[in-house]
Protein backbone atom coordinates (compact mmCIF):
# COMPACT_ATOMS: atom_id res chain seq x y z
CA UNK A 1 125.11 330.71 -3.86
CA UNK A 2 128.57 331.93 -4.66
CA UNK A 3 131.74 330.50 -3.61
CA UNK A 4 133.08 332.06 -0.21
CA UNK A 5 136.69 332.62 0.66
CA UNK A 6 137.14 329.43 2.60
CA UNK A 7 135.50 327.36 0.26
CA UNK A 8 138.20 328.92 -2.82
CA UNK A 9 140.94 327.94 -0.42
CA UNK A 10 139.81 324.31 -0.28
CA UNK A 11 139.60 324.24 -3.82
CA UNK A 12 143.01 325.83 -4.47
CA UNK A 13 144.57 323.15 -1.63
CA UNK A 14 143.28 320.33 -3.51
CA UNK A 15 144.26 321.80 -6.93
CA UNK A 16 148.06 322.10 -5.53
CA UNK A 17 147.99 318.56 -4.09
CA UNK A 18 146.46 317.20 -7.48
CA UNK A 19 148.83 319.09 -10.10
CA UNK A 20 151.53 320.34 -7.52
CA UNK A 21 153.23 323.50 -7.61
CA UNK A 22 155.71 323.10 -10.44
CA UNK A 23 153.15 322.09 -12.85
CA UNK A 24 151.03 325.29 -11.63
CA UNK A 25 154.00 327.32 -11.85
CA UNK A 26 154.28 326.47 -15.51
CA UNK A 27 150.84 327.10 -16.42
CA UNK A 28 150.94 330.03 -14.87
CA UNK A 29 153.88 331.52 -16.88
CA UNK A 30 152.44 329.97 -19.84
CA UNK A 31 149.06 332.01 -19.17
CA UNK A 32 151.49 335.32 -18.49
CA UNK A 33 153.48 334.52 -22.00
CA UNK A 34 150.20 334.27 -23.81
CA UNK A 35 148.37 337.01 -22.22
CA UNK A 36 151.49 339.39 -22.92
CA UNK A 37 151.30 337.94 -26.64
CA UNK A 38 147.61 338.86 -26.95
CA UNK A 39 148.19 342.53 -25.77
CA UNK A 40 151.15 342.93 -28.31
CA UNK A 41 148.93 341.69 -30.98
CA UNK A 42 146.11 344.01 -30.26
CA UNK A 43 148.97 346.84 -30.08
CA UNK A 44 150.29 346.16 -33.38
CA UNK A 45 146.80 345.94 -34.82
CA UNK A 46 145.90 349.57 -33.64
CA UNK A 47 149.01 350.69 -34.93
CA UNK A 48 148.44 349.24 -38.41
CA UNK A 49 144.77 350.54 -38.22
CA UNK A 50 146.04 353.96 -37.69
CA UNK A 51 148.52 353.78 -40.05
CA UNK A 52 146.17 352.57 -42.92
CA UNK A 53 143.67 355.33 -41.83
CA UNK A 54 146.16 358.08 -42.48
CA UNK A 55 147.04 356.55 -45.63
CA UNK A 56 143.22 356.56 -46.66
CA UNK A 57 143.37 360.10 -45.78
CA UNK A 58 146.33 360.62 -48.18
CA UNK A 59 144.84 358.59 -51.10
CA UNK A 60 141.47 360.30 -50.65
CA UNK A 61 142.98 363.52 -50.81
CA UNK A 62 145.17 362.80 -53.73
CA UNK A 63 142.03 361.50 -55.40
CA UNK A 64 139.77 364.45 -54.96
CA UNK A 65 142.78 366.93 -56.36
CA UNK A 66 142.90 364.81 -59.48
CA UNK A 67 139.12 365.01 -59.82
CA UNK A 68 139.69 368.77 -59.54
CA UNK A 69 142.05 369.13 -62.15
CA UNK A 70 140.18 367.04 -64.36
CA UNK A 71 137.19 369.34 -64.01
CA UNK A 72 138.91 372.38 -65.25
């Protein structure tokens, strides 16, 4: 019961008639900008997570070294 290609073309034609090509172009570019922004935010989040993991490992190593010094 899915939509076939001719049905999708009719729906697309109606959307173009109702909204016009200029408005659809601006909506498309806005959507593209939003997707780019989301990808950049995810990339920055992954970088921050990686940096935090490295700093956490360094801090853990320092704490272990301090504990070993105090045991002696």
